[in-house]
Amino acid sequence: IGMDGLLRDTPDPILPHPRAHQRAF
């Protein structure tokens, strides 16, 4: 979901997770 505030736009993985902020689960 996140790695110490890292921003990463390249795939595998994109950080923070691109949909985590929309998911109650």
PDB file of all heavy atoms in Angstrom:
ATOM      1  N   ILE A   1       0.840  -1.196   0.000  1.00  0.00           N
ATOM      2  CA  ILE A   1       0.000   0.000   0.000  1.00  0.00           C
ATOM      3  C   ILE A   1       0.876   1.248   0.000  1.00  0.00           C
ATOM      4  O   ILE A   1       0.609   2.209  -0.713  1.00  0.00           O
ATOM      5  CB  ILE A   1      -0.950   0.004   1.222  1.00  0.00           C
ATOM      6  CG1 ILE A   1      -1.829  -1.254   1.207  1.00  0.00           C
ATOM      7  CG2 ILE A   1      -1.783   1.277   1.252  1.00  0.00           C
ATOM      8  CD1 ILE A   1      -2.635  -1.471  -0.063  1.00  0.00           C
ATOM      9  N   GLY A   2       1.921   1.226   0.784  1.00  0.00           N
ATOM     10  CA  GLY A   2       2.827   2.363   0.842  1.00  0.00           C
ATOM     11  C   GLY A   2       4.162   1.948   1.418  1.00  0.00           C
ATOM     12  O   GLY A   2       4.243   0.976   2.173  1.00  0.00           O
ATOM     13  N   MET A   3       5.187   2.700   1.034  1.00  0.00           N
ATOM     14  CA  MET A   3       6.541   2.442   1.528  1.00  0.00           C
ATOM     15  C   MET A   3       7.169   3.759   1.954  1.00  0.00           C
ATOM     16  O   MET A   3       7.758   4.462   1.133  1.00  0.00           O
ATOM     17  CB  MET A   3       7.404   1.771   0.462  1.00  0.00           C
ATOM     18  CG  MET A   3       6.991   0.350   0.138  1.00  0.00           C
ATOM     19  SD  MET A   3       8.115  -0.471  -1.021  1.00  0.00           S
ATOM     20  CE  MET A   3       9.485  -0.876   0.063  1.00  0.00           C
ATOM     21  N   ASP A   4       6.960   4.120   3.205  1.00  0.00           N
ATOM     22  CA  ASP A   4       7.625   5.273   3.796  1.00  0.00           C
ATOM     23  C   ASP A   4       7.444   6.549   2.974  1.00  0.00           C
ATOM     24  O   ASP A   4       8.392   7.311   2.798  1.00  0.00           O
ATOM     25  CB  ASP A   4       9.109   4.959   4.015  1.00  0.00           C
ATOM     26  CG  ASP A   4       9.758   5.921   4.991  1.00  0.00           C
ATOM     27  OD1 ASP A   4       9.099   6.288   5.984  1.00  0.00           O
ATOM     28  OD2 ASP A   4      10.915   6.323   4.757  1.00  0.00           O
ATOM     29  N   GLY A   5       6.248   6.774   2.443  1.00  0.00           N
ATOM     30  CA  GLY A   5       5.959   7.994   1.688  1.00  0.00           C
ATOM     31  C   GLY A   5       6.503   8.013   0.275  1.00  0.00           C
ATOM     32  O   GLY A   5       6.407   9.030  -0.419  1.00  0.00           O
ATOM     33  N   LEU A   6       7.038   6.905  -0.185  1.00  0.00           N
ATOM     34  CA  LEU A   6       7.618   6.831  -1.528  1.00  0.00           C
ATOM     35  C   LEU A   6       6.552   7.026  -2.598  1.00  0.00           C
ATOM     36  O   LEU A   6       5.469   6.446  -2.523  1.00  0.00           O
ATOM     37  CB  LEU A   6       8.302   5.469  -1.710  1.00  0.00           C
ATOM     38  CG  LEU A   6       9.030   5.222  -3.019  1.00  0.00           C
ATOM     39  CD1 LEU A   6      10.202   6.184  -3.172  1.00  0.00           C
ATOM     40  CD2 LEU A   6       9.527   3.778  -3.052  1.00  0.00           C
ATOM     41  N   LEU A   7       6.868   7.849  -3.589  1.00  0.00           N
ATOM     42  CA  LEU A   7       6.019   8.029  -4.767  1.00  0.00           C
ATOM     43  C   LEU A   7       6.695   7.312  -5.926  1.00  0.00           C
ATOM     44  O   LEU A   7       7.870   7.555  -6.214  1.00  0.00           O
ATOM     45  CB  LEU A   7       5.838   9.511  -5.099  1.00  0.00           C
ATOM     46  CG  LEU A   7       5.137  10.343  -4.029  1.00  0.00           C
ATOM     47  CD1 LEU A   7       5.143  11.816  -4.415  1.00  0.00           C
ATOM     48  CD2 LEU A   7       3.722   9.852  -3.812  1.00  0.00           C
ATOM     49  N   ARG A   8       5.965   6.441  -6.573  1.00  0.00           N
ATOM     50  CA  ARG A   8       6.524   5.643  -7.674  1.00  0.00           C
ATOM     51  C   ARG A   8       5.430   5.434  -8.701  1.00  0.00           C
ATOM     52  O   ARG A   8       4.397   4.836  -8.407  1.00  0.00           O
ATOM     53  CB  ARG A   8       7.029   4.320  -7.115  1.00  0.00           C
ATOM     54  CG  ARG A   8       7.650   3.405  -8.133  1.00  0.00           C
ATOM     55  CD  ARG A   8       8.088   2.123  -7.447  1.00  0.00           C
ATOM     56  NE  ARG A   8       8.196   1.057  -8.410  1.00  0.00           N
ATOM     57  CZ  ARG A   8       9.318   0.437  -8.700  1.00  0.00           C
ATOM     58  NH1 ARG A   8      10.439   0.762  -8.095  1.00  0.00           N
ATOM     59  NH2 ARG A   8       9.318  -0.537  -9.578  1.00  0.00           N
ATOM     60  N   ASP A   9       5.667   5.928  -9.921  1.00  0.00           N
ATOM     61  CA  ASP A   9       4.666   5.830 -10.982  1.00  0.00           C
ATOM     62  C   ASP A   9       4.894   4.663 -11.926  1.00  0.00           C
ATOM     63  O   ASP A   9       4.017   4.338 -12.713  1.00  0.00           O
ATOM     64  CB  ASP A   9       4.626   7.134 -11.790  1.00  0.00           C
ATOM     65  CG  ASP A   9       4.107   8.285 -10.947  1.00  0.00           C
ATOM     66  OD1 ASP A   9       3.162   8.072 -10.171  1.00  0.00           O
ATOM     67  OD2 ASP A   9       4.655   9.393 -11.061  1.00  0.00           O
ATOM     68  N   THR A  10       6.063   4.049 -11.866  1.00  0.00           N
ATOM     69  CA  THR A  10       6.322   2.924 -12.742  1.00  0.00           C
ATOM     70  C   THR A  10       5.608   1.699 -12.212  1.00  0.00           C
ATOM     71  O   THR A  10       5.410   1.558 -11.004  1.00  0.00           O
ATOM     72  CB  THR A  10       7.834   2.643 -12.841  1.00  0.00           C
ATOM     73  OG1 THR A  10       8.333   2.425 -11.527  1.00  0.00           O
ATOM     74  CG2 THR A  10       8.573   3.800 -13.477  1.00  0.00           C
ATOM     75  N   PRO A  11       5.192   0.815 -13.083  1.00  0.00           N
ATOM     76  CA  PRO A  11       4.464  -0.370 -12.609  1.00  0.00           C
ATOM     77  C   PRO A  11       5.351  -1.318 -11.817  1.00  0.00           C
ATOM     78  O   PRO A  11       6.570  -1.258 -11.874  1.00  0.00           O
ATOM     79  CB  PRO A  11       3.970  -1.034 -13.892  1.00  0.00           C
ATOM     80  CG  PRO A  11       4.667  -0.391 -15.019  1.00  0.00           C
ATOM     81  CD  PRO A  11       5.297   0.875 -14.528  1.00  0.00           C
ATOM     82  N   ASP A  12       4.650  -2.172 -11.103  1.00  0.00           N
ATOM     83  CA  ASP A  12       5.260  -3.270 -10.348  1.00  0.00           C
ATOM     84  C   ASP A  12       6.271  -2.828  -9.321  1.00  0.00           C
ATOM     85  O   ASP A  12       7.434  -3.177  -9.428  1.00  0.00           O
ATOM     86  CB  ASP A  12       5.843  -4.295 -11.306  1.00  0.00           C
ATOM     87  CG  ASP A  12       4.772  -4.890 -12.204  1.00  0.00           C
ATOM     88  OD1 ASP A  12       3.624  -5.014 -11.744  1.00  0.00           O
ATOM     89  OD2 ASP A  12       5.076  -5.219 -13.346  1.00  0.00           O
ATOM     90  N   PRO A  13       5.876  -2.168  -8.282  1.00  0.00           N
ATOM     91  CA  PRO A  13       4.554  -1.650  -7.959  1.00  0.00           C
ATOM     92  C   PRO A  13       4.472  -0.131  -8.127  1.00  0.00           C
ATOM     93  O   PRO A  13       5.474   0.569  -8.042  1.00  0.00           O
ATOM     94  CB  PRO A  13       4.428  -1.995  -6.479  1.00  0.00           C
ATOM     95  CG  PRO A  13       5.826  -1.828  -5.950  1.00  0.00           C
ATOM     96  CD  PRO A  13       6.735  -2.266  -7.086  1.00  0.00           C
ATOM     97  N   ILE A  14       3.264   0.346  -8.350  1.00  0.00           N
ATOM     98  CA  ILE A  14       2.973   1.782  -8.291  1.00  0.00           C
ATOM     99  C   ILE A  14       2.743   2.099  -6.812  1.00  0.00           C
ATOM    100  O   ILE A  14       2.037   1.366  -6.113  1.00  0.00           O
ATOM    101  CB  ILE A  14       1.725   2.127  -9.121  1.00  0.00           C
ATOM    102  CG1 ILE A  14       1.997   1.855 -10.604  1.00  0.00           C
ATOM    103  CG2 ILE A  14       1.300   3.575  -8.886  1.00  0.00           C
ATOM    104  CD1 ILE A  14       0.766   1.950 -11.489  1.00  0.00           C
ATOM    105  N   LEU A  15       3.353   3.178  -6.338  1.00  0.00           N
ATOM    106  CA  LEU A  15       3.230   3.549  -4.925  1.00  0.00           C
ATOM    107  C   LEU A  15       2.890   5.020  -4.763  1.00  0.00           C
ATOM    108  O   LEU A  15       3.447   5.836  -5.491  1.00  0.00           O
ATOM    109  CB  LEU A  15       4.536   3.250  -4.182  1.00  0.00           C
ATOM    110  CG  LEU A  15       4.902   1.783  -4.091  1.00  0.00           C
ATOM    111  CD1 LEU A  15       6.293   1.621  -3.524  1.00  0.00           C
ATOM    112  CD2 LEU A  15       3.890   1.023  -3.271  1.00  0.00           C
ATOM    113  N   PRO A  16       1.996   5.310  -3.810  1.00  0.00           N
ATOM    114  CA  PRO A  16       1.228   4.350  -3.040  1.00  0.00           C
ATOM    115  C   PRO A  16       0.284   3.566  -3.958  1.00  0.00           C
ATOM    116  O   PRO A  16       0.067   3.947  -5.105  1.00  0.00           O
ATOM    117  CB  PRO A  16       0.458   5.211  -2.048  1.00  0.00           C
ATOM    118  CG  PRO A  16       0.346   6.535  -2.709  1.00  0.00           C
ATOM    119  CD  PRO A  16       1.592   6.692  -3.525  1.00  0.00           C
ATOM    120  N   HIS A  17      -0.266   2.494  -3.434  1.00  0.00           N
ATOM    121  CA  HIS A  17      -1.190   1.670  -4.225  1.00  0.00           C
ATOM    122  C   HIS A  17      -2.243   2.581  -4.839  1.00  0.00           C
ATOM    123  O   HIS A  17      -2.834   3.416  -4.147  1.00  0.00           O
ATOM    124  CB  HIS A  17      -1.845   0.629  -3.326  1.00  0.00           C
ATOM    125  CG  HIS A  17      -2.651  -0.377  -4.060  1.00  0.00           C
ATOM    126  ND1 HIS A  17      -3.875  -0.088  -4.594  1.00  0.00           N
ATOM    127  CD2 HIS A  17      -2.386  -1.673  -4.360  1.00  0.00           C
ATOM    128  CE1 HIS A  17      -4.359  -1.173  -5.192  1.00  0.00           C
ATOM    129  NE2 HIS A  17      -3.472  -2.145  -5.067  1.00  0.00           N
ATOM    130  N   PRO A  18      -2.485   2.456  -6.137  1.00  0.00           N
ATOM    131  CA  PRO A  18      -3.338   3.431  -6.830  1.00  0.00           C
ATOM    132  C   PRO A  18      -4.814   3.439  -6.442  1.00  0.00           C
ATOM    133  O   PRO A  18      -5.511   4.410  -6.724  1.00  0.00           O
ATOM    134  CB  PRO A  18      -3.169   3.074  -8.309  1.00  0.00           C
ATOM    135  CG  PRO A  18      -2.676   1.678  -8.334  1.00  0.00           C
ATOM    136  CD  PRO A  18      -1.913   1.468  -7.054  1.00  0.00           C
ATOM    137  N   ARG A  19      -5.310   2.404  -5.781  1.00  0.00           N
ATOM    138  CA  ARG A  19      -6.734   2.377  -5.416  1.00  0.00           C
ATOM    139  C   ARG A  19      -6.978   2.214  -3.914  1.00  0.00           C
ATOM    140  O   ARG A  19      -8.116   2.198  -3.468  1.00  0.00           O
ATOM    141  CB  ARG A  19      -7.447   1.258  -6.181  1.00  0.00           C
ATOM    142  CG  ARG A  19      -7.521   1.529  -7.678  1.00  0.00           C
ATOM    143  CD  ARG A  19      -8.005   0.343  -8.485  1.00  0.00           C
ATOM    144  NE  ARG A  19      -7.218  -0.876  -8.312  1.00  0.00           N
ATOM    145  CZ  ARG A  19      -6.010  -1.091  -8.840  1.00  0.00           C
ATOM    146  NH1 ARG A  19      -5.444  -0.177  -9.582  1.00  0.00           N
ATOM    147  NH2 ARG A  19      -5.368  -2.226  -8.630  1.00  0.00           N
ATOM    148  N   ALA A  20      -5.934   2.106  -3.130  1.00  0.00           N
ATOM    149  CA  ALA A  20      -6.098   1.856  -1.691  1.00  0.00           C
ATOM    150  C   ALA A  20      -6.949   2.924  -1.022  1.00  0.00           C
ATOM    151  O   ALA A  20      -7.744   2.617  -0.124  1.00  0.00           O
ATOM    152  CB  ALA A  20      -4.742   1.768  -1.007  1.00  0.00           C
ATOM    153  N   HIS A  21      -6.812   4.163  -1.433  1.00  0.00           N
ATOM    154  CA  HIS A  21      -7.545   5.263  -0.789  1.00  0.00           C
ATOM    155  C   HIS A  21      -9.047   5.211  -1.054  1.00  0.00           C
ATOM    156  O   HIS A  21      -9.812   5.945  -0.444  1.00  0.00           O
ATOM    157  CB  HIS A  21      -6.979   6.611  -1.245  1.00  0.00           C
ATOM    158  CG  HIS A  21      -7.163   6.899  -2.688  1.00  0.00           C
ATOM    159  ND1 HIS A  21      -6.386   6.317  -3.671  1.00  0.00           N
ATOM    160  CD2 HIS A  21      -8.046   7.697  -3.323  1.00  0.00           C
ATOM    161  CE1 HIS A  21      -6.783   6.754  -4.847  1.00  0.00           C
ATOM    162  NE2 HIS A  21      -7.790   7.589  -4.666  1.00  0.00           N
ATOM    163  N   GLN A  22      -9.481   4.320  -1.948  1.00  0.00           N
ATOM    164  CA  GLN A  22     -10.901   4.186  -2.287  1.00  0.00           C
ATOM    165  C   GLN A  22     -11.526   2.934  -1.683  1.00  0.00           C
ATOM    166  O   GLN A  22     -12.695   2.664  -1.924  1.00  0.00           O
ATOM    167  CB  GLN A  22     -11.051   4.101  -3.812  1.00  0.00           C
ATOM    168  CG  GLN A  22     -10.482   5.284  -4.547  1.00  0.00           C
ATOM    169  CD  GLN A  22     -10.332   5.027  -6.032  1.00  0.00           C
ATOM    170  OE1 GLN A  22     -10.222   3.885  -6.484  1.00  0.00           O
ATOM    171  NE2 GLN A  22     -10.339   6.099  -6.809  1.00  0.00           N
ATOM    172  N   ARG A  23     -10.756   2.166  -0.927  1.00  0.00           N
ATOM    173  CA  ARG A  23     -11.203   0.842  -0.509  1.00  0.00           C
ATOM    174  C   ARG A  23     -11.269   0.719   1.010  1.00  0.00           C
ATOM    175  O   ARG A  23     -10.256   0.692   1.694  1.00  0.00           O
ATOM    176  CB  ARG A  23     -10.253  -0.211  -1.073  1.00  0.00           C
ATOM    177  CG  ARG A  23     -10.319  -0.235  -2.591  1.00  0.00           C
ATOM    178  CD  ARG A  23      -9.371  -1.215  -3.163  1.00  0.00           C
ATOM    179  NE  ARG A  23      -9.699  -1.462  -4.563  1.00  0.00           N
ATOM    180  CZ  ARG A  23      -8.952  -2.185  -5.365  1.00  0.00           C
ATOM    181  NH1 ARG A  23      -7.835  -2.742  -4.923  1.00  0.00           N
ATOM    182  NH2 ARG A  23      -9.315  -2.362  -6.622  1.00  0.00           N
ATOM    183  N   ALA A  24     -12.501   0.587   1.501  1.00  0.00           N
ATOM    184  CA  ALA A  24     -12.690   0.424   2.946  1.00  0.00           C
ATOM    185  C   ALA A  24     -12.000  -0.833   3.460  1.00  0.00           C
ATOM    186  O   ALA A  24     -11.526  -0.856   4.599  1.00  0.00           O
ATOM    187  CB  ALA A  24     -14.179   0.390   3.280  1.00  0.00           C
ATOM    188  N   PHE A  25     -11.895  -1.866   2.616  1.00  0.00           N
ATOM    189  CA  PHE A  25     -11.274  -3.103   3.081  1.00  0.00           C
ATOM    190  C   PHE A  25      -9.774  -2.949   3.319  1.00  0.00           C
ATOM    191  O   PHE A  25      -9.174  -3.777   4.001  1.00  0.00           O
ATOM    192  CB  PHE A  25     -11.573  -4.288   2.155  1.00  0.00           C
ATOM    193  CG  PHE A  25     -10.997  -4.202   0.764  1.00  0.00           C
ATOM    194  CD1 PHE A  25      -9.696  -4.579   0.496  1.00  0.00           C
ATOM    195  CD2 PHE A  25     -11.794  -3.772  -0.292  1.00  0.00           C
ATOM    196  CE1 PHE A  25      -9.180  -4.532  -0.788  1.00  0.00           C
ATOM    197  CE2 PHE A  25     -11.292  -3.721  -1.573  1.00  0.00           C
ATOM    198  CZ  PHE A  25      -9.971  -4.097  -1.826  1.00  0.00           C
TER     199      PHE A  25
END
